[in-house]
Amino acid sequence: MVVCTNGFTNAVLPQLNIEPARGQIILTKPIAGLKTKGTFHFDEGFYYWRNIGDQILLGGARNADFEAERTTDLTGSDFIRNRLVEFLHLHLNTNQPIEIEQSWSGIMGFTPNKLPLCETVSTNVVAAIACNGMGVALTPIMAEHVTNLLLQ
């Protein structure tokens, strides 16, 4: 069995001491003539955005309220969503009106040492968790590690 529960890990493997951290995202409505193309990070990666066609997907800002974002509550908060909208208007000038189409959140997992955790935790049980906010980048590497652990 492979456990990939990230911020929810403490519910099934509390001995791993994984800290949850909510990540919140907003997605704009289509923006005519959007010139922003690519993937970007700002403020040590606490803000990140990319275009999806003619829309902007923007996430982050949890550094504005670390304590409140140490949660497994998927609801999200107006405080962080407002920070994201503020950032969007301040730093991503499109010369067009910007409207938000939708928002959502997910729960990340963090280890005390900020290193990803991929290890055998008991017979036939491997944990592949806590990419510490870098899951999109690290999951292919984590999958290789899981495969190697399962084949041992």
N, C-alpha and C. Protein backbone atom coordinates (compact mmCIF):
# COMPACT_ATOMS: atom_id res chain seq x y z
N MET A 1 0.84 -1.15 0.00
CA MET A 1 0.00 0.00 0.00
C MET A 1 0.90 1.23 0.00
N VAL A 2 0.48 2.25 -0.74
CA VAL A 2 1.21 3.52 -0.77
C VAL A 2 0.29 4.59 -0.20
N VAL A 3 0.76 5.28 0.83
CA VAL A 3 0.01 6.36 1.48
C VAL A 3 0.49 7.68 0.89
N CYS A 4 -0.42 8.42 0.27
CA CYS A 4 -0.11 9.71 -0.37
C CYS A 4 -1.12 10.75 0.10
N THR A 5 -1.19 10.96 1.40
CA THR A 5 -2.25 11.79 1.97
C THR A 5 -1.84 13.23 2.29
N ASN A 6 -0.58 13.58 2.05
CA ASN A 6 -0.07 14.93 2.28
C ASN A 6 -0.51 15.51 3.62
N GLY A 7 -1.20 16.66 3.61
CA GLY A 7 -1.56 17.34 4.84
C GLY A 7 -2.53 16.59 5.72
N PHE A 8 -3.13 15.53 5.22
CA PHE A 8 -4.07 14.73 6.00
C PHE A 8 -3.39 13.50 6.63
N THR A 9 -2.09 13.40 6.49
CA THR A 9 -1.35 12.22 6.94
C THR A 9 -1.51 11.94 8.42
N ASN A 10 -1.55 12.97 9.26
CA ASN A 10 -1.64 12.75 10.70
C ASN A 10 -2.87 11.95 11.10
N ALA A 11 -3.90 11.93 10.28
CA ALA A 11 -5.10 11.15 10.58
C ALA A 11 -4.85 9.65 10.48
N VAL A 12 -3.86 9.25 9.65
CA VAL A 12 -3.59 7.81 9.47
C VAL A 12 -2.20 7.40 9.95
N LEU A 13 -1.25 8.31 9.93
CA LEU A 13 0.12 8.02 10.37
C LEU A 13 0.64 9.18 11.24
N PRO A 14 0.06 9.36 12.42
CA PRO A 14 0.43 10.52 13.25
C PRO A 14 1.90 10.55 13.66
N GLN A 15 2.56 9.38 13.68
CA GLN A 15 3.95 9.32 14.08
C GLN A 15 4.88 10.05 13.09
N LEU A 16 4.39 10.35 11.90
CA LEU A 16 5.22 11.04 10.89
C LEU A 16 5.26 12.55 11.11
N ASN A 17 4.36 13.07 11.93
CA ASN A 17 4.38 14.50 12.30
C ASN A 17 4.38 15.42 11.07
N ILE A 18 3.39 15.24 10.22
CA ILE A 18 3.28 16.07 9.01
C ILE A 18 2.38 17.27 9.32
N GLU A 19 2.87 18.46 9.02
CA GLU A 19 2.10 19.68 9.27
C GLU A 19 1.29 20.04 8.02
N PRO A 20 -0.02 20.22 8.18
CA PRO A 20 -0.83 20.64 7.04
C PRO A 20 -0.65 22.12 6.74
N ALA A 21 -0.81 22.46 5.48
CA ALA A 21 -0.76 23.87 5.06
C ALA A 21 -1.71 24.02 3.88
N ARG A 22 -2.68 24.89 4.04
CA ARG A 22 -3.66 25.10 2.98
C ARG A 22 -3.05 26.01 1.91
N GLY A 23 -3.24 25.62 0.66
CA GLY A 23 -2.85 26.44 -0.47
C GLY A 23 -4.11 26.89 -1.19
N GLN A 24 -4.22 28.18 -1.46
CA GLN A 24 -5.43 28.71 -2.11
C GLN A 24 -5.10 29.24 -3.50
N ILE A 25 -6.06 29.08 -4.39
CA ILE A 25 -5.90 29.42 -5.81
C ILE A 25 -7.08 30.26 -6.27
N ILE A 26 -6.81 31.19 -7.18
CA ILE A 26 -7.89 31.88 -7.90
C ILE A 26 -7.62 31.72 -9.40
N LEU A 27 -8.68 31.75 -10.16
CA LEU A 27 -8.59 31.67 -11.62
C LEU A 27 -9.43 32.79 -12.19
N THR A 28 -8.83 33.59 -13.07
CA THR A 28 -9.56 34.70 -13.66
C THR A 28 -10.50 34.20 -14.75
N LYS A 29 -11.45 35.05 -15.08
CA LYS A 29 -12.21 34.84 -16.31
C LYS A 29 -11.27 35.14 -17.47
N PRO A 30 -11.58 34.72 -18.68
CA PRO A 30 -10.71 35.02 -19.82
C PRO A 30 -10.43 36.53 -19.93
N ILE A 31 -9.18 36.84 -20.27
CA ILE A 31 -8.72 38.22 -20.41
C ILE A 31 -8.30 38.43 -21.87
N ALA A 32 -9.01 39.31 -22.57
CA ALA A 32 -8.70 39.56 -23.98
C ALA A 32 -7.28 40.09 -24.12
N GLY A 33 -6.52 39.52 -25.04
CA GLY A 33 -5.17 40.00 -25.32
C GLY A 33 -4.16 39.72 -24.23
N LEU A 34 -4.39 38.72 -23.40
CA LEU A 34 -3.47 38.40 -22.31
C LEU A 34 -2.07 38.11 -22.86
N LYS A 35 -1.10 38.84 -22.37
CA LYS A 35 0.28 38.67 -22.84
C LYS A 35 1.10 37.81 -21.91
N THR A 36 0.65 37.60 -20.69
CA THR A 36 1.37 36.77 -19.73
C THR A 36 1.35 35.32 -20.20
N LYS A 37 2.53 34.79 -20.48
CA LYS A 37 2.65 33.40 -20.92
C LYS A 37 3.78 32.76 -20.14
N GLY A 38 3.53 31.63 -19.51
CA GLY A 38 4.56 30.93 -18.76
C GLY A 38 4.15 30.67 -17.33
N THR A 39 5.14 30.26 -16.56
CA THR A 39 4.97 29.96 -15.14
C THR A 39 5.91 30.85 -14.35
N PHE A 40 5.41 31.47 -13.29
CA PHE A 40 6.17 32.47 -12.56
C PHE A 40 6.05 32.26 -11.06
N HIS A 41 7.09 32.68 -10.34
CA HIS A 41 7.12 32.64 -8.88
C HIS A 41 7.60 34.00 -8.37
N PHE A 42 7.09 34.39 -7.20
CA PHE A 42 7.43 35.68 -6.60
C PHE A 42 7.47 35.52 -5.09
N ASP A 43 8.26 36.32 -4.42
CA ASP A 43 8.34 36.33 -2.96
C ASP A 43 8.68 34.94 -2.43
N GLU A 44 9.84 34.43 -2.86
CA GLU A 44 10.33 33.11 -2.44
C GLU A 44 9.36 31.99 -2.79
N GLY A 45 8.55 32.17 -3.80
CA GLY A 45 7.60 31.15 -4.23
C GLY A 45 6.27 31.19 -3.50
N PHE A 46 6.07 32.16 -2.61
CA PHE A 46 4.80 32.24 -1.90
C PHE A 46 3.68 32.75 -2.79
N TYR A 47 4.01 33.30 -3.94
CA TYR A 47 3.02 33.62 -4.97
C TYR A 47 3.48 32.92 -6.24
N TYR A 48 2.57 32.31 -6.93
CA TYR A 48 2.91 31.61 -8.17
C TYR A 48 1.73 31.74 -9.11
N TRP A 49 2.04 31.89 -10.38
CA TRP A 49 0.97 32.04 -11.36
C TRP A 49 1.42 31.54 -12.71
N ARG A 50 0.44 31.28 -13.52
CA ARG A 50 0.67 30.89 -14.91
C ARG A 50 -0.58 31.18 -15.70
N ASN A 51 -0.38 31.25 -16.98
CA ASN A 51 -1.55 31.40 -17.83
C ASN A 51 -2.11 30.03 -18.16
N ILE A 52 -3.40 29.98 -18.31
CA ILE A 52 -4.09 28.81 -18.86
C ILE A 52 -4.88 29.39 -20.02
N GLY A 53 -4.30 29.33 -21.21
CA GLY A 53 -4.90 30.01 -22.34
C GLY A 53 -4.93 31.50 -22.07
N ASP A 54 -6.12 32.08 -22.08
CA ASP A 54 -6.25 33.52 -21.83
C ASP A 54 -6.74 33.83 -20.41
N GLN A 55 -6.47 32.91 -19.49
CA GLN A 55 -6.80 33.11 -18.08
C GLN A 55 -5.52 33.06 -17.26
N ILE A 56 -5.58 33.65 -16.06
CA ILE A 56 -4.45 33.57 -15.12
C ILE A 56 -4.88 32.74 -13.92
N LEU A 57 -4.08 31.74 -13.62
CA LEU A 57 -4.23 30.94 -12.41
C LEU A 57 -3.17 31.47 -11.43
N LEU A 58 -3.61 31.94 -10.27
CA LEU A 58 -2.71 32.54 -9.27
C LEU A 58 -2.96 31.89 -7.93
N GLY A 59 -1.90 31.50 -7.26
CA GLY A 59 -2.04 30.88 -5.96
C GLY A 59 -1.00 31.37 -4.98
N GLY A 60 -1.23 31.01 -3.72
CA GLY A 60 -0.25 31.33 -2.69
C GLY A 60 -0.78 32.27 -1.63
N ALA A 61 0.11 33.14 -1.17
CA ALA A 61 -0.16 34.17 -0.16
C ALA A 61 -0.33 33.60 1.24
N ARG A 62 -0.06 32.32 1.46
CA ARG A 62 -0.26 31.78 2.80
C ARG A 62 0.72 32.37 3.79
N ASN A 63 1.81 32.97 3.29
CA ASN A 63 2.76 33.62 4.18
C ASN A 63 2.15 34.88 4.82
N ALA A 64 1.01 35.32 4.35
CA ALA A 64 0.32 36.46 4.97
C ALA A 64 -0.37 36.06 6.27
N ASP A 65 -0.57 34.75 6.48
CA ASP A 65 -1.21 34.27 7.71
C ASP A 65 -0.88 32.79 7.91
N PHE A 66 0.39 32.51 8.17
CA PHE A 66 0.83 31.12 8.32
C PHE A 66 -0.03 30.35 9.31
N GLU A 67 -0.31 30.93 10.45
CA GLU A 67 -1.03 30.20 11.50
C GLU A 67 -2.42 29.76 11.03
N ALA A 68 -3.16 30.64 10.42
CA ALA A 68 -4.52 30.29 9.96
C ALA A 68 -4.47 29.26 8.82
N GLU A 69 -3.38 29.24 8.07
CA GLU A 69 -3.28 28.32 6.93
C GLU A 69 -2.70 26.96 7.33
N ARG A 70 -2.36 26.77 8.60
CA ARG A 70 -1.95 25.45 9.10
C ARG A 70 -3.21 24.67 9.45
N THR A 71 -3.91 24.21 8.44
CA THR A 71 -5.23 23.61 8.65
C THR A 71 -5.49 22.56 7.58
N THR A 72 -6.45 21.69 7.88
CA THR A 72 -6.95 20.75 6.87
C THR A 72 -8.33 21.18 6.37
N ASP A 73 -8.75 22.37 6.73
CA ASP A 73 -10.04 22.91 6.28
C ASP A 73 -9.90 23.38 4.83
N LEU A 74 -10.64 22.77 3.94
CA LEU A 74 -10.57 23.10 2.52
C LEU A 74 -11.38 24.33 2.12
N THR A 75 -12.11 24.90 3.07
CA THR A 75 -13.01 26.01 2.75
C THR A 75 -12.29 27.20 2.14
N GLY A 76 -11.11 27.51 2.59
CA GLY A 76 -10.41 28.70 2.13
C GLY A 76 -10.83 29.90 2.95
N SER A 77 -10.13 31.01 2.75
CA SER A 77 -10.43 32.20 3.53
C SER A 77 -10.49 33.42 2.63
N ASP A 78 -11.41 34.31 2.97
CA ASP A 78 -11.50 35.57 2.23
C ASP A 78 -10.22 36.38 2.37
N PHE A 79 -9.58 36.30 3.54
CA PHE A 79 -8.35 37.06 3.76
C PHE A 79 -7.30 36.71 2.71
N ILE A 80 -7.04 35.44 2.51
CA ILE A 80 -6.02 35.02 1.53
C ILE A 80 -6.51 35.27 0.11
N ARG A 81 -7.77 34.95 -0.18
CA ARG A 81 -8.30 35.23 -1.53
C ARG A 81 -8.17 36.71 -1.86
N ASN A 82 -8.46 37.58 -0.90
CA ASN A 82 -8.34 39.02 -1.14
C ASN A 82 -6.89 39.42 -1.38
N ARG A 83 -5.95 38.78 -0.68
CA ARG A 83 -4.53 39.05 -0.92
C ARG A 83 -4.14 38.64 -2.33
N LEU A 84 -4.67 37.52 -2.80
CA LEU A 84 -4.37 37.07 -4.16
C LEU A 84 -4.93 38.04 -5.20
N VAL A 85 -6.15 38.48 -5.00
CA VAL A 85 -6.76 39.44 -5.93
C VAL A 85 -5.97 40.75 -5.91
N GLU A 86 -5.58 41.19 -4.73
CA GLU A 86 -4.77 42.42 -4.61
C GLU A 86 -3.46 42.28 -5.38
N PHE A 87 -2.79 41.13 -5.20
CA PHE A 87 -1.53 40.87 -5.91
C PHE A 87 -1.76 40.89 -7.43
N LEU A 88 -2.82 40.25 -7.85
CA LEU A 88 -3.16 40.19 -9.27
C LEU A 88 -3.29 41.59 -9.86
N HIS A 89 -4.03 42.44 -9.19
CA HIS A 89 -4.25 43.80 -9.69
C HIS A 89 -2.99 44.66 -9.60
N LEU A 90 -2.18 44.43 -8.59
CA LEU A 90 -0.99 45.26 -8.38
C LEU A 90 0.17 44.86 -9.29
N HIS A 91 0.36 43.56 -9.48
CA HIS A 91 1.56 43.09 -10.18
C HIS A 91 1.32 42.53 -11.58
N LEU A 92 0.11 42.16 -11.91
CA LEU A 92 -0.15 41.55 -13.21
C LEU A 92 -1.11 42.43 -14.00
N ASN A 93 -0.62 43.59 -14.34
CA ASN A 93 -1.43 44.56 -15.07
C ASN A 93 -1.74 44.05 -16.47
N THR A 94 -3.01 43.88 -16.77
CA THR A 94 -3.43 43.36 -18.07
C THR A 94 -4.02 44.44 -18.96
N ASN A 95 -4.18 45.66 -18.43
CA ASN A 95 -4.87 46.75 -19.14
C ASN A 95 -6.29 46.37 -19.51
N GLN A 96 -6.82 45.38 -18.84
CA GLN A 96 -8.20 44.91 -19.03
C GLN A 96 -8.83 44.74 -17.65
N PRO A 97 -10.12 44.83 -17.56
CA PRO A 97 -10.76 44.49 -16.28
C PRO A 97 -10.51 43.01 -15.96
N ILE A 98 -10.25 42.74 -14.69
CA ILE A 98 -9.97 41.36 -14.28
C ILE A 98 -11.09 40.91 -13.35
N GLU A 99 -11.71 39.80 -13.71
CA GLU A 99 -12.75 39.21 -12.87
C GLU A 99 -12.32 37.80 -12.50
N ILE A 100 -12.70 37.38 -11.31
CA ILE A 100 -12.37 36.04 -10.84
C ILE A 100 -13.50 35.08 -11.23
N GLU A 101 -13.12 33.99 -11.89
CA GLU A 101 -14.10 32.98 -12.31
C GLU A 101 -14.35 31.97 -11.20
N GLN A 102 -13.27 31.53 -10.54
CA GLN A 102 -13.45 30.57 -9.46
C GLN A 102 -12.23 30.57 -8.54
N SER A 103 -12.41 29.96 -7.38
CA SER A 103 -11.32 29.79 -6.43
C SER A 103 -11.48 28.43 -5.75
N TRP A 104 -10.38 27.92 -5.24
CA TRP A 104 -10.41 26.65 -4.53
C TRP A 104 -9.18 26.56 -3.66
N SER A 105 -9.08 25.50 -2.88
CA SER A 105 -7.91 25.29 -2.06
C SER A 105 -7.58 23.81 -1.99
N GLY A 106 -6.35 23.52 -1.60
CA GLY A 106 -5.86 22.16 -1.40
C GLY A 106 -5.00 22.14 -0.16
N ILE A 107 -4.71 20.97 0.33
CA ILE A 107 -3.93 20.85 1.55
C ILE A 107 -2.59 20.18 1.25
N MET A 108 -1.53 20.90 1.53
CA MET A 108 -0.18 20.39 1.35
C MET A 108 0.31 19.79 2.66
N GLY A 109 1.38 19.01 2.58
CA GLY A 109 1.99 18.45 3.78
C GLY A 109 3.44 18.89 3.88
N PHE A 110 3.85 19.24 5.11
CA PHE A 110 5.21 19.70 5.36
C PHE A 110 5.85 18.87 6.46
N THR A 111 7.11 18.49 6.26
CA THR A 111 7.88 17.79 7.28
C THR A 111 8.62 18.81 8.14
N PRO A 112 9.00 18.43 9.36
CA PRO A 112 9.77 19.37 10.20
C PRO A 112 11.08 19.83 9.55
N ASN A 113 11.73 18.95 8.77
CA ASN A 113 13.00 19.33 8.15
C ASN A 113 12.84 19.90 6.73
N LYS A 114 11.58 20.03 6.28
CA LYS A 114 11.24 20.59 4.96
C LYS A 114 11.75 19.75 3.78
N LEU A 115 12.06 18.49 4.04
CA LEU A 115 12.44 17.57 2.98
C LEU A 115 11.27 16.63 2.68
N PRO A 116 11.08 16.24 1.43
CA PRO A 116 10.00 15.29 1.12
C PRO A 116 10.21 13.98 1.88
N LEU A 117 9.12 13.30 2.15
CA LEU A 117 9.19 12.05 2.87
C LEU A 117 8.72 10.93 1.95
N CYS A 118 9.60 9.99 1.69
CA CYS A 118 9.27 8.82 0.89
C CYS A 118 10.02 7.65 1.51
N GLU A 119 9.29 6.84 2.29
CA GLU A 119 9.95 5.75 3.01
C GLU A 119 8.96 4.65 3.33
N THR A 120 9.52 3.48 3.62
CA THR A 120 8.72 2.36 4.09
C THR A 120 8.40 2.63 5.56
N VAL A 121 7.10 2.61 5.89
CA VAL A 121 6.70 2.90 7.28
C VAL A 121 6.29 1.65 8.05
N SER A 122 5.99 0.58 7.34
CA SER A 122 5.75 -0.73 7.95
C SER A 122 5.74 -1.75 6.81
N THR A 123 5.59 -3.01 7.16
CA THR A 123 5.61 -4.06 6.14
C THR A 123 4.58 -3.78 5.06
N ASN A 124 5.03 -3.70 3.83
CA ASN A 124 4.17 -3.46 2.66
C ASN A 124 3.46 -2.11 2.66
N VAL A 125 3.94 -1.15 3.44
CA VAL A 125 3.34 0.19 3.47
C VAL A 125 4.45 1.22 3.25
N VAL A 126 4.28 2.00 2.17
CA VAL A 126 5.22 3.07 1.83
C VAL A 126 4.47 4.38 1.94
N ALA A 127 5.10 5.39 2.54
CA ALA A 127 4.54 6.74 2.59
C ALA A 127 5.30 7.60 1.58
N ALA A 128 4.54 8.26 0.72
CA ALA A 128 5.10 9.21 -0.26
C ALA A 128 4.32 10.49 -0.06
N ILE A 129 4.82 11.33 0.82
CA ILE A 129 4.06 12.50 1.27
C ILE A 129 4.97 13.69 1.48
N ALA A 130 4.35 14.81 1.76
CA ALA A 130 5.02 16.02 2.22
C ALA A 130 6.07 16.52 1.23
N CYS A 131 5.60 16.96 0.10
CA CYS A 131 6.50 17.59 -0.87
C CYS A 131 6.78 19.04 -0.50
N ASN A 132 6.25 19.48 0.65
CA ASN A 132 6.58 20.79 1.21
C ASN A 132 6.30 21.94 0.25
N GLY A 133 5.17 21.85 -0.45
CA GLY A 133 4.77 22.91 -1.35
C GLY A 133 5.34 22.80 -2.75
N MET A 134 6.08 21.73 -3.02
CA MET A 134 6.69 21.55 -4.34
C MET A 134 6.19 20.29 -5.03
N GLY A 135 4.96 19.89 -4.72
CA GLY A 135 4.41 18.64 -5.23
C GLY A 135 4.39 18.51 -6.74
N VAL A 136 4.04 19.56 -7.43
CA VAL A 136 3.99 19.49 -8.90
C VAL A 136 5.37 19.16 -9.45
N ALA A 137 6.39 19.73 -8.87
CA ALA A 137 7.76 19.49 -9.34
C ALA A 137 8.31 18.15 -8.87
N LEU A 138 7.96 17.74 -7.66
CA LEU A 138 8.60 16.57 -7.06
C LEU A 138 7.87 15.25 -7.25
N THR A 139 6.60 15.24 -7.59
CA THR A 139 5.87 13.96 -7.64
C THR A 139 6.46 12.96 -8.64
N PRO A 140 6.98 13.35 -9.79
CA PRO A 140 7.59 12.32 -10.64
C PRO A 140 8.80 11.66 -9.97
N ILE A 141 9.59 12.43 -9.25
CA ILE A 141 10.74 11.88 -8.54
C ILE A 141 10.28 10.99 -7.40
N MET A 142 9.24 11.44 -6.69
CA MET A 142 8.69 10.64 -5.60
C MET A 142 8.17 9.30 -6.13
N ALA A 143 7.53 9.31 -7.28
CA ALA A 143 7.01 8.07 -7.88
C ALA A 143 8.13 7.09 -8.16
N GLU A 144 9.27 7.58 -8.63
CA GLU A 144 10.43 6.70 -8.86
C GLU A 144 10.90 6.09 -7.55
N HIS A 145 10.96 6.90 -6.49
CA HIS A 145 11.38 6.39 -5.18
C HIS A 145 10.41 5.34 -4.66
N VAL A 146 9.11 5.58 -4.82
CA VAL A 146 8.11 4.60 -4.39
C VAL A 146 8.32 3.28 -5.12
N THR A 147 8.50 3.36 -6.42
CA THR A 147 8.73 2.16 -7.22
C THR A 147 9.95 1.38 -6.71
N ASN A 148 11.03 2.10 -6.46
CA ASN A 148 12.23 1.45 -5.96
C ASN A 148 11.99 0.80 -4.59
N LEU A 149 11.28 1.48 -3.71
CA LEU A 149 10.99 0.90 -2.39
C LEU A 149 10.12 -0.34 -2.50
N LEU A 150 9.14 -0.31 -3.40
CA LEU A 150 8.24 -1.46 -3.56
C LEU A 150 8.93 -2.66 -4.20
N LEU A 151 9.95 -2.39 -4.99
CA LEU A 151 10.67 -3.48 -5.66
C LEU A 151 11.78 -4.11 -4.82
N GLN A 152 12.07 -3.51 -3.67
CA GLN A 152 13.14 -4.04 -2.81
C GLN A 152 12.73 -5.34 -2.15
